[in-house]
Amino acid sequence: MSEQFEMIAKTFQGLEEILAEELTALGANDIQIGRRMVSFTGDKRMMYKANFCLRTAIRILKPIKNFTAKDADEVYNQIQAIRWEDYLDVNKTFAIDAVVFSDEFRHSKFVSYKVKDAIVDYFREKTGKRPSVRINNPDVLLNIHIAQTTCTLSLDSSGESLHRRGYRQEAVEAPLNEVLAAGMILMTGWRGDCDLIDPMCGSGTIPVEAALIAKNIAPGVFRKGFAFEKWVDFDADMFDEIYNDDSQEREFTHKIYGYDNNPKANEIATHNIKAAGVSKDIVLKLQPFQQFEQPKEKSIIITNPPYGERISTNDLLGLYQMIGERLKHAFVGNEAWVLSYREECFDQIGLKASQKVPLFNGPLECEFRKYEIFDGKYKEFKSQEGEEEDKKDSEGEQAPRFRERKEFKPRREGEFKPRREGDFKPRREGESRPRREGDFKPRREGGDFKGGDRDRKPRGDFREGRDSRAPREFKGNREPRIPKKEEE
């Protein structure tokens, strides 16, 4: 049996339970929820799959040492005691990311310097040479987390944040983070069982992430590489097997609609959707929300309107009043989920939210609210809904969405504090298709990327000495990629 070890998946506050559910589906063990993180155990294959498949993780860390330190000298001594040749050599570059919550250690940069000194001195004493520090794209990225006097040193297996999927060609001002967008969609319970609409889609993040979820396409398929590909124990054959396995992908029989009133945003969204190869699943239209009409098919709205913080609007409250008016009159019998920041904006919608979930969008403490748009009186609507549920239970059917969340063990005492009530302060009231032969061809020695002309670096470049191989070939319904526009 392959070696099992602990890993930590970092995420945004509010998405921990969704991430834990993803890890459970992936087959991870010992899943424990913390604050902005979920710990789990698994082997090397699980680490590769976590980076490649998880939609709501920002990065995957592999702890290599836990220790207690009351001052910088203790940190230095503990780091220097590690057998560093197992992870580094003098010809590799490294960088350190420090996260500090401590009264003893006030400055994260100072902690980074002490860790760097310990590693450099270790190699200098043993070989007379030292590895170099490289901030951008190092061979080995280390993470040190200090909570008061409890320290954890980890290898960062992801490298560049996992929210950087690789399909985004351009962005509008203040784009929605891909991890947050995926988390929002998963939170609603939508898995492609009806049409999805984003009436203010901007650069198309929600539509693209929704299409990837509906078709069960791994988000890592677009990335140029991961940090673990440069590690000394990297198993290229194992990762190629994971990378080329499309057996879990499925057909999507509905549509995703993205609307926006900004021509530039519509153009950018078109480019991003093409790059993600999901053009056949998404319908884009230049249309203001004021012109939104009742959809013919059952649908769900998931949207992130402007808050008036980073994107200004002439009449912010009027915008939300219009959103409420359109939902009441043109979205009857459906559900709408809205992410916003200001209580006064939610008030203007004029609808009672049946669910409120605290979420952080960057530094902003937002809420993700669910609105059930019914025709008639609310009590009658809920009564009818209850009767339908009872009927399903008696017939042995399972409700398709909004299932009860699985309970996970709280994180044990140590590096990360367990998630407690009060961590989130709510705002005040106011189908897997069988794999078809030839769909995906394995990467070949010296092959070319025939799915399009997107400028993508072959994976072989990520580990010195490996032969250059072409990235995964896309066929079938996916659109060819387009190259990123060169920076001027």
Protein backbone atom coordinates (compact mmCIF):
# COMPACT_ATOMS: atom_id res chain seq x y z
CA MET A 1 0.00 0.00 0.00
CA SER A 2 1.30 3.45 -0.89
CA GLU A 3 2.33 5.87 1.85
CA GLN A 4 -0.49 7.89 3.42
CA PHE A 5 0.21 11.40 4.71
CA GLU A 6 -1.66 14.45 5.92
CA MET A 7 -2.56 17.28 3.57
CA ILE A 8 -4.25 20.63 3.97
CA ALA A 9 -6.56 22.13 1.37
CA LYS A 10 -6.88 25.91 1.75
CA THR A 11 -10.06 27.69 0.72
CA PHE A 12 -12.15 30.82 1.32
CA GLN A 13 -14.11 31.35 4.49
CA GLY A 14 -17.59 29.96 4.00
CA LEU A 15 -16.61 27.25 1.48
CA GLU A 16 -15.13 24.75 3.95
CA GLU A 17 -18.11 22.37 3.95
CA ILE A 18 -18.35 22.37 0.15
CA LEU A 19 -14.62 21.58 -0.06
CA ALA A 20 -15.04 18.75 2.47
CA GLU A 21 -17.83 17.29 0.31
CA GLU A 22 -15.56 17.48 -2.75
CA LEU A 23 -12.79 15.66 -0.86
CA THR A 24 -15.23 12.96 0.27
CA ALA A 25 -16.33 12.39 -3.35
CA LEU A 26 -12.66 12.22 -4.37
CA GLY A 27 -12.00 9.45 -1.83
CA ALA A 28 -9.92 11.33 0.74
CA ASN A 29 -9.68 10.02 4.32
CA ASP A 30 -9.74 11.61 7.80
CA ILE A 31 -11.47 14.77 6.56
CA GLN A 32 -11.58 17.51 9.20
CA ILE A 33 -12.91 21.02 8.71
CA GLY A 34 -11.02 24.03 10.02
CA ARG A 35 -11.22 27.73 9.35
CA ARG A 36 -10.48 28.51 5.72
CA MET A 37 -9.03 24.98 5.38
CA VAL A 38 -9.87 21.28 5.36
CA SER A 39 -7.30 18.69 6.42
CA PHE A 40 -7.33 15.15 5.02
CA THR A 41 -5.07 12.15 4.44
CA GLY A 42 -4.19 10.31 1.25
CA ASP A 43 -1.32 9.13 -0.91
CA LYS A 44 0.59 10.75 -3.76
CA ARG A 45 -2.19 9.95 -6.22
CA MET A 46 -4.70 11.69 -3.95
CA MET A 47 -2.45 14.76 -3.79
CA TYR A 48 -2.27 14.90 -7.59
CA LYS A 49 -6.06 14.40 -7.89
CA ALA A 50 -6.78 17.06 -5.24
CA ASN A 51 -4.83 19.65 -7.22
CA PHE A 52 -6.33 18.57 -10.53
CA CYS A 53 -9.97 18.01 -9.56
CA LEU A 54 -10.96 20.22 -6.61
CA ARG A 55 -12.98 23.28 -7.59
CA THR A 56 -13.08 25.04 -4.22
CA ALA A 57 -9.46 24.64 -3.08
CA ILE A 58 -6.97 27.49 -3.41
CA ARG A 59 -3.89 25.33 -2.78
CA ILE A 60 -2.89 21.90 -1.41
CA LEU A 61 -0.21 21.83 1.28
CA LYS A 62 1.81 18.80 2.45
CA PRO A 63 3.05 19.36 6.02
CA ILE A 64 6.61 18.12 6.63
CA LYS A 65 7.14 19.30 10.22
CA ASN A 66 5.04 20.50 13.15
CA PHE A 67 6.79 22.17 16.07
CA THR A 68 6.47 24.76 18.82
CA ALA A 69 8.60 27.91 18.83
CA LYS A 70 8.52 30.95 21.09
CA ASP A 71 11.07 33.02 19.20
CA ALA A 72 12.90 33.32 15.87
CA ASP A 73 15.94 31.33 17.05
CA GLU A 74 13.74 28.34 17.85
CA VAL A 75 12.20 28.55 14.40
CA TYR A 76 15.71 28.65 12.86
CA ASN A 77 16.90 25.60 14.85
CA GLN A 78 13.79 23.54 14.05
CA ILE A 79 14.01 24.30 10.32
CA GLN A 80 17.76 23.55 10.16
CA ALA A 81 17.15 20.13 11.79
CA ILE A 82 15.16 18.97 8.75
CA ARG A 83 16.89 16.64 6.25
CA TRP A 84 16.63 19.11 3.40
CA GLU A 85 18.27 16.94 0.68
CA ASP A 86 14.98 15.00 0.61
CA TYR A 87 13.28 18.08 -0.79
CA LEU A 88 15.93 20.39 -2.25
CA ASP A 89 19.43 20.50 -3.71
CA VAL A 90 21.82 23.37 -4.39
CA ASN A 91 20.76 23.55 -8.04
CA LYS A 92 17.09 24.14 -7.23
CA THR A 93 15.43 27.41 -6.35
CA PHE A 94 12.99 27.90 -3.49
CA ALA A 95 10.67 30.48 -1.98
CA ILE A 96 8.86 30.80 1.35
CA ASP A 97 5.32 31.99 2.02
CA ALA A 98 4.70 32.84 5.67
CA VAL A 99 1.27 33.13 7.32
CA VAL A 100 1.50 34.41 10.89
CA PHE A 101 -1.15 34.87 13.59
CA SER A 102 0.94 35.37 16.72
CA ASP A 103 1.82 37.77 19.51
CA GLU A 104 5.41 36.48 19.48
CA PHE A 105 5.93 36.81 15.72
CA ARG A 106 4.60 40.10 14.42
CA HIS A 107 6.10 40.18 10.91
CA SER A 108 5.66 37.39 8.35
CA LYS A 109 8.63 38.62 6.28
CA PHE A 110 10.94 38.25 9.27
CA VAL A 111 9.75 34.65 9.70
CA SER A 112 10.40 34.02 5.98
CA TYR A 113 13.96 35.36 6.34
CA LYS A 114 14.70 33.10 9.33
CA VAL A 115 13.42 30.01 7.45
CA LYS A 116 15.47 31.00 4.40
CA ASP A 117 18.62 31.48 6.50
CA ALA A 118 18.18 28.06 8.14
CA ILE A 119 17.87 26.29 4.78
CA VAL A 120 20.76 28.18 3.17
CA ASP A 121 23.04 27.57 6.17
CA TYR A 122 22.14 23.84 6.17
CA PHE A 123 23.38 23.38 2.60
CA ARG A 124 26.37 25.71 3.01
CA GLU A 125 27.60 23.73 6.01
CA LYS A 126 27.19 20.39 4.19
CA THR A 127 28.29 21.25 0.63
CA GLY A 128 29.83 24.72 0.68
CA LYS A 129 27.14 25.77 -1.77
CA ARG A 130 23.60 27.05 -1.36
CA PRO A 131 20.31 26.94 -3.29
CA SER A 132 19.00 30.25 -4.56
CA VAL A 133 15.81 32.05 -3.61
CA ARG A 134 13.44 32.77 -6.47
CA ILE A 135 10.20 34.56 -5.73
CA ASN A 136 8.48 33.85 -9.04
CA ASN A 137 8.01 30.24 -10.17
CA PRO A 138 10.53 28.57 -7.80
CA ASP A 139 11.31 24.85 -8.01
CA VAL A 140 10.14 24.33 -4.42
CA LEU A 141 7.59 26.51 -2.68
CA LEU A 142 7.41 26.27 1.12
CA ASN A 143 4.68 27.48 3.43
CA ILE A 144 5.13 28.19 7.13
CA HIS A 145 2.03 28.76 9.24
CA ILE A 146 2.35 30.10 12.79
CA ALA A 147 -0.63 30.28 15.15
CA GLN A 148 0.74 31.81 18.37
CA THR A 149 3.61 29.36 19.12
CA THR A 150 2.36 26.41 17.02
CA CYS A 151 4.25 26.15 13.74
CA THR A 152 3.69 24.01 10.66
CA LEU A 153 6.11 23.89 7.75
CA SER A 154 4.60 22.54 4.52
CA LEU A 155 5.47 21.93 0.90
CA ASP A 156 3.09 23.78 -1.40
CA SER A 157 2.11 21.22 -4.04
CA SER A 158 0.04 23.66 -6.11
CA GLY A 159 2.32 26.59 -6.89
CA GLU A 160 0.21 29.26 -8.50
CA SER A 161 -3.17 29.55 -6.77
CA LEU A 162 -5.65 26.95 -8.01
CA HIS A 163 -8.22 29.65 -8.80
CA ARG A 164 -6.04 30.47 -11.81
CA ARG A 165 -7.61 27.78 -13.96
CA GLY A 166 -5.88 28.77 -17.18
CA TYR A 167 -8.90 29.54 -19.36
CA ARG A 168 -9.25 33.24 -18.52
CA GLN A 169 -8.05 35.35 -21.45
CA GLU A 170 -9.12 38.71 -20.09
CA ALA A 171 -11.09 40.06 -17.16
CA VAL A 172 -13.45 42.90 -16.48
CA GLU A 173 -12.91 45.21 -13.52
CA ALA A 174 -13.25 43.30 -10.22
CA PRO A 175 -13.85 39.81 -11.70
CA LEU A 176 -15.37 37.10 -9.52
CA ASN A 177 -12.79 34.60 -8.28
CA GLU A 178 -13.15 31.20 -9.99
CA VAL A 179 -13.00 29.25 -6.71
CA LEU A 180 -15.70 31.43 -5.18
CA ALA A 181 -17.88 31.13 -8.31
CA ALA A 182 -17.58 27.31 -8.27
CA GLY A 183 -18.33 27.24 -4.54
CA MET A 184 -21.45 29.35 -5.01
CA ILE A 185 -22.75 27.05 -7.76
CA LEU A 186 -22.06 23.88 -5.76
CA MET A 187 -23.72 25.43 -2.70
CA THR A 188 -27.02 25.81 -4.55
CA GLY A 189 -27.08 22.07 -5.29
CA TRP A 190 -27.18 22.66 -9.06
CA ARG A 191 -25.32 19.98 -11.01
CA GLY A 192 -26.67 20.63 -14.51
CA ASP A 193 -30.22 19.39 -13.93
CA CYS A 194 -31.86 22.50 -15.43
CA ASP A 195 -30.96 25.69 -17.27
CA LEU A 196 -28.76 28.19 -15.41
CA ILE A 197 -28.86 31.94 -15.93
CA ASP A 198 -26.45 34.69 -14.89
CA PRO A 199 -28.11 37.96 -15.93
CA MET A 200 -25.03 40.01 -14.97
CA CYS A 201 -22.26 37.64 -16.08
CA GLY A 202 -19.40 40.11 -16.62
CA SER A 203 -16.40 38.18 -18.01
CA GLY A 204 -18.36 34.91 -17.77
CA THR A 205 -16.85 33.27 -14.67
CA ILE A 206 -20.12 31.84 -13.33
CA PRO A 207 -21.24 30.47 -16.75
CA VAL A 208 -17.83 28.84 -17.40
CA GLU A 209 -17.56 27.30 -13.93
CA ALA A 210 -21.18 26.10 -14.23
CA ALA A 211 -20.42 24.42 -17.57
CA LEU A 212 -17.37 22.66 -16.10
CA ILE A 213 -19.49 21.43 -13.18
CA ALA A 214 -22.39 20.32 -15.41
CA LYS A 215 -20.01 18.35 -17.69
CA ASN A 216 -17.80 17.29 -14.75
CA ILE A 217 -14.64 18.55 -16.45
CA ALA A 218 -11.73 18.83 -14.02
CA PRO A 219 -10.70 22.47 -13.52
CA GLY A 220 -6.98 21.57 -13.62
CA VAL A 221 -7.10 20.47 -17.26
CA PHE A 222 -6.40 24.03 -18.42
CA ARG A 223 -3.39 24.74 -16.20
CA LYS A 224 0.16 24.80 -17.49
CA GLY A 225 1.48 22.98 -14.46
CA PHE A 226 1.60 22.35 -10.72
CA ALA A 227 4.43 22.78 -8.22
CA PHE A 228 4.62 19.04 -7.47
CA GLU A 229 5.80 18.42 -11.05
CA LYS A 230 9.20 19.80 -10.00
CA TRP A 231 9.56 17.67 -6.87
CA VAL A 232 12.30 15.02 -6.71
CA ASP A 233 9.73 12.22 -6.24
CA PHE A 234 7.35 13.33 -9.01
CA ASP A 235 5.68 10.35 -10.72
CA ALA A 236 5.04 11.55 -14.29
CA ASP A 237 3.27 8.36 -15.42
CA MET A 238 0.84 8.51 -12.49
CA PHE A 239 -0.02 12.14 -13.20
CA ASP A 240 -0.39 11.50 -16.95
CA GLU A 241 -2.92 8.79 -16.11
CA ILE A 242 -4.94 11.22 -13.99
CA TYR A 243 -4.59 14.02 -16.54
CA ASN A 244 -5.85 11.92 -19.46
CA ASP A 245 -8.72 10.18 -17.65
CA ASP A 246 -12.03 11.60 -18.87
CA SER A 247 -14.18 8.67 -17.68
CA GLN A 248 -16.06 10.84 -15.16
CA GLU A 249 -17.10 13.46 -17.68
CA ARG A 250 -20.77 13.55 -18.68
CA GLU A 251 -23.21 15.01 -21.17
CA PHE A 252 -25.02 18.25 -20.40
CA THR A 253 -28.48 18.44 -21.95
CA HIS A 254 -29.55 21.91 -20.76
CA LYS A 255 -28.20 25.40 -21.43
CA ILE A 256 -26.38 28.12 -19.52
CA TYR A 257 -27.28 31.71 -20.33
CA GLY A 258 -25.06 34.71 -19.66
CA TYR A 259 -26.31 38.25 -20.12
CA ASP A 260 -24.62 41.62 -19.62
CA ASN A 261 -25.25 45.16 -20.80
CA ASN A 262 -21.54 45.92 -21.33
CA PRO A 263 -20.26 45.19 -24.90
CA LYS A 264 -16.65 44.90 -23.69
CA ALA A 265 -17.65 42.42 -20.97
CA ASN A 266 -19.60 40.41 -23.53
CA GLU A 267 -16.55 40.28 -25.80
CA ILE A 268 -14.27 39.17 -22.96
CA ALA A 269 -16.77 36.52 -21.84
CA THR A 270 -16.89 35.18 -25.41
CA HIS A 271 -13.10 34.77 -25.42
CA ASN A 272 -13.02 33.07 -22.01
CA ILE A 273 -15.82 30.66 -22.90
CA LYS A 274 -14.06 29.71 -26.14
CA ALA A 275 -10.80 29.13 -24.27
CA ALA A 276 -12.60 26.80 -21.85
CA GLY A 277 -14.08 24.86 -24.78
CA VAL A 278 -17.69 25.21 -23.59
CA SER A 279 -19.16 27.48 -26.29
CA LYS A 280 -21.79 24.88 -27.23
CA ASP A 281 -23.15 24.90 -23.69
CA ILE A 282 -23.32 28.65 -23.04
CA VAL A 283 -25.49 31.25 -24.76
CA LEU A 284 -24.19 34.81 -24.39
CA LYS A 285 -26.31 37.85 -25.11
CA LEU A 286 -25.82 41.58 -24.82
CA GLN A 287 -28.88 42.44 -22.76
CA PRO A 288 -29.59 44.55 -19.67
CA PHE A 289 -31.43 42.92 -16.76
CA GLN A 290 -34.36 45.28 -17.34
CA GLN A 291 -35.19 43.27 -20.50
CA PHE A 292 -35.10 39.90 -18.72
CA GLU A 293 -38.18 37.79 -19.55
CA GLN A 294 -39.69 34.66 -17.98
CA PRO A 295 -37.68 31.64 -19.22
CA LYS A 296 -39.64 28.90 -20.99
CA GLU A 297 -37.85 26.10 -19.12
CA LYS A 298 -37.25 25.59 -15.41
CA SER A 299 -34.17 27.58 -14.49
CA ILE A 300 -31.98 28.80 -11.67
CA ILE A 301 -30.37 32.22 -11.43
CA ILE A 302 -26.94 32.58 -9.83
CA THR A 303 -25.53 36.07 -10.03
CA ASN A 304 -23.10 38.55 -8.50
CA PRO A 305 -24.37 42.10 -9.11
CA PRO A 306 -22.24 45.21 -8.46
CA TYR A 307 -21.91 46.23 -4.79
CA GLY A 308 -20.87 49.83 -5.27
CA GLU A 309 -17.45 49.11 -3.73
CA ARG A 310 -15.06 48.39 -6.60
CA ILE A 311 -17.59 48.87 -9.41
CA SER A 312 -19.65 52.02 -9.27
CA THR A 313 -23.15 52.39 -10.63
CA ASN A 314 -25.12 55.59 -10.96
CA ASP A 315 -28.06 54.23 -9.04
CA LEU A 316 -27.04 51.20 -6.98
CA LEU A 317 -30.23 50.94 -4.94
CA GLY A 318 -32.30 51.42 -8.09
CA LEU A 319 -30.39 48.52 -9.65
CA TYR A 320 -31.36 46.18 -6.82
CA GLN A 321 -34.94 47.41 -6.89
CA MET A 322 -35.04 46.50 -10.58
CA ILE A 323 -33.54 43.06 -9.81
CA GLY A 324 -36.34 42.41 -7.33
CA GLU A 325 -38.99 43.61 -9.78
CA ARG A 326 -37.69 41.32 -12.57
CA LEU A 327 -37.48 38.33 -10.26
CA LYS A 328 -41.07 38.82 -9.05
CA HIS A 329 -42.52 39.27 -12.52
CA ALA A 330 -40.23 37.29 -14.84
CA PHE A 331 -38.86 34.38 -12.79
CA VAL A 332 -41.95 32.85 -11.18
CA GLY A 333 -41.66 29.23 -10.08
CA ASN A 334 -37.86 29.28 -9.97
CA GLU A 335 -34.99 29.97 -7.57
CA ALA A 336 -32.54 32.85 -7.61
CA TRP A 337 -29.28 33.12 -5.66
CA VAL A 338 -27.71 36.56 -5.27
CA LEU A 339 -24.30 37.42 -3.82
CA SER A 340 -24.02 40.94 -2.49
CA TYR A 341 -22.45 43.05 0.22
CA ARG A 342 -24.77 45.77 1.41
CA GLU A 343 -27.84 45.15 3.54
CA GLU A 344 -29.56 48.17 1.99
CA CYS A 345 -29.10 46.56 -1.46
CA PHE A 346 -30.76 43.35 -0.34
CA ASP A 347 -33.58 45.41 1.17
CA GLN A 348 -34.30 46.95 -2.24
CA ILE A 349 -34.89 43.49 -3.77
CA GLY A 350 -38.04 43.35 -1.67
CA LEU A 351 -38.17 39.56 -1.38
CA LYS A 352 -37.80 37.34 1.67
CA ALA A 353 -34.67 35.20 1.45
CA SER A 354 -35.18 31.54 2.39
CA GLN A 355 -31.44 31.05 2.96
CA LYS A 356 -28.55 33.36 3.86
CA VAL A 357 -24.94 32.14 3.65
CA PRO A 358 -22.01 34.34 4.78
CA LEU A 359 -19.25 34.38 2.15
CA PHE A 360 -16.14 36.50 1.67
CA ASN A 361 -15.54 38.05 -1.73
CA GLY A 362 -11.97 39.19 -1.25
CA PRO A 363 -11.99 41.33 1.91
CA LEU A 364 -15.72 42.00 1.70
CA GLU A 365 -17.97 40.07 4.08
CA CYS A 366 -20.88 39.29 1.78
CA GLU A 367 -24.00 37.17 1.90
CA PHE A 368 -25.25 34.65 -0.64
CA ARG A 369 -29.03 34.70 -0.47
CA LYS A 370 -31.57 32.29 -1.91
CA TYR A 371 -34.94 33.56 -3.17
CA GLU A 372 -37.79 31.19 -4.05
CA ILE A 373 -40.01 33.03 -6.52
CA PHE A 374 -43.53 31.67 -6.14
CA ASP A 375 -46.87 32.59 -7.67
CA GLY A 376 -49.50 33.19 -4.98
CA LYS A 377 -49.25 33.25 -1.24
CA TYR A 378 -46.07 32.07 0.47
CA LYS A 379 -47.86 29.72 2.90
CA GLU A 380 -49.70 28.01 0.03
CA PHE A 381 -46.40 27.64 -1.83
CA LYS A 382 -44.64 26.06 1.18
CA SER A 383 -47.65 23.80 1.88
CA GLN A 384 -47.65 22.51 -1.70
CA GLU A 385 -43.88 22.03 -1.54
CA GLY A 386 -44.27 19.98 1.66
CA GLU A 387 -46.90 17.75 0.07
CA GLU A 388 -44.60 17.08 -2.88
CA GLU A 389 -41.77 16.13 -0.54
CA ASP A 390 -44.04 13.76 1.43
CA LYS A 391 -45.14 12.12 -1.83
CA LYS A 392 -41.54 11.61 -2.90
CA ASP A 393 -40.67 10.07 0.48
CA SER A 394 -43.62 7.67 0.32
CA GLU A 395 -42.65 6.60 -3.21
CA GLY A 396 -39.05 6.07 -2.14
CA GLU A 397 -37.69 8.88 -4.30
CA GLN A 398 -34.82 11.04 -3.28
CA ALA A 399 -34.95 14.80 -3.50
CA PRO A 400 -32.68 15.84 -6.34
CA ARG A 401 -31.14 18.89 -4.71
CA PHE A 402 -30.36 20.63 -1.47
CA ARG A 403 -29.55 17.41 0.33
CA GLU A 404 -28.51 17.52 3.96
CA ARG A 405 -24.88 18.28 4.44
CA LYS A 406 -22.69 15.45 5.71
CA GLU A 407 -21.18 16.10 9.12
CA PHE A 408 -17.41 16.12 9.34
CA LYS A 409 -15.23 15.79 12.40
CA PRO A 410 -13.99 19.07 13.81
CA ARG A 411 -10.31 19.80 13.38
CA ARG A 412 -8.25 18.59 16.34
CA GLU A 413 -6.42 21.12 18.48
CA GLY A 414 -3.16 22.24 16.98
CA GLU A 415 -2.07 24.37 14.11
CA PHE A 416 -5.48 25.45 12.99
CA LYS A 417 -8.34 26.34 15.27
CA PRO A 418 -11.57 24.36 14.80
CA ARG A 419 -14.43 26.12 13.18
CA ARG A 420 -16.67 27.52 15.90
CA GLU A 421 -20.02 29.10 15.98
CA GLY A 422 -19.48 32.78 15.62
CA ASP A 423 -16.66 32.50 13.09
CA PHE A 424 -19.18 33.79 10.61
CA LYS A 425 -21.29 36.72 11.63
CA PRO A 426 -24.39 36.94 9.45
CA ARG A 427 -25.55 40.37 8.56
CA ARG A 428 -28.52 41.75 10.24
CA GLU A 429 -32.03 40.86 9.14
CA GLY A 430 -33.46 43.49 6.76
CA GLU A 431 -24.68 11.60 -15.41
CA SER A 432 -21.29 10.01 -16.33
CA ARG A 433 -21.01 9.09 -20.04
CA PRO A 434 -18.83 6.08 -20.83
CA ARG A 435 -15.43 6.97 -22.13
CA ARG A 436 -15.33 6.86 -25.90
CA GLU A 437 -12.27 5.67 -27.67
CA GLY A 438 -10.38 8.52 -29.24
CA ASP A 439 -11.94 11.29 -27.20
CA PHE A 440 -8.67 12.04 -25.46
CA LYS A 441 -5.32 10.85 -26.70
CA PRO A 442 -2.48 10.47 -24.20
CA ARG A 443 0.35 12.95 -24.49
CA ARG A 444 3.07 11.75 -26.82
CA GLU A 445 6.76 12.36 -27.07
CA GLY A 446 7.27 15.56 -28.99
CA GLY A 447 3.60 15.76 -29.95
CA ASP A 448 1.78 18.87 -30.94
CA PHE A 449 -1.33 20.33 -29.37
CA LYS A 450 -3.97 19.80 -32.07
CA GLY A 451 -6.99 21.01 -30.15
CA GLY A 452 -6.21 24.58 -31.07
CA ASP A 453 -3.40 27.09 -31.25
CA ARG A 454 -3.47 28.13 -27.62
CA ASP A 455 0.03 28.94 -26.49
CA ARG A 456 0.52 26.34 -23.79
CA LYS A 457 3.83 25.26 -22.35
CA PRO A 458 4.41 21.47 -22.60
CA ARG A 459 4.43 19.75 -19.23
CA GLY A 460 7.90 18.38 -19.76
CA ASP A 461 9.30 21.88 -19.19
CA PHE A 462 8.23 21.73 -15.58
CA ARG A 463 10.82 19.15 -14.57
CA GLU A 464 14.40 19.30 -15.74
CA GLY A 465 15.40 16.29 -17.78
CA ARG A 466 11.88 15.29 -18.80
CA ASP A 467 11.01 15.05 -22.48
CA SER A 468 8.68 17.68 -23.78
CA ARG A 469 5.17 16.33 -24.25
CA ALA A 470 2.12 17.90 -25.78
CA PRO A 471 -0.73 18.77 -23.45
CA ARG A 472 -4.06 17.01 -23.40
CA GLU A 473 -5.79 16.90 -26.76
CA PHE A 474 -9.37 18.11 -26.89
CA LYS A 475 -11.88 16.77 -29.38
CA GLY A 476 -15.62 16.30 -29.67
CA ASN A 477 -17.81 19.12 -28.51
CA ARG A 478 -15.13 21.39 -27.10
CA GLU A 479 -14.10 24.46 -28.96
CA PRO A 480 -10.44 24.94 -29.81
CA ARG A 481 -8.52 27.20 -27.49
CA ILE A 482 -7.43 30.64 -28.56
CA PRO A 483 -4.05 32.14 -27.68
CA LYS A 484 -3.83 34.72 -24.94
CA LYS A 485 -3.48 38.25 -26.19
CA GLU A 486 0.05 39.50 -25.84
CA GLU A 487 0.55 42.22 -23.30
CA GLU A 488 1.27 45.51 -24.89
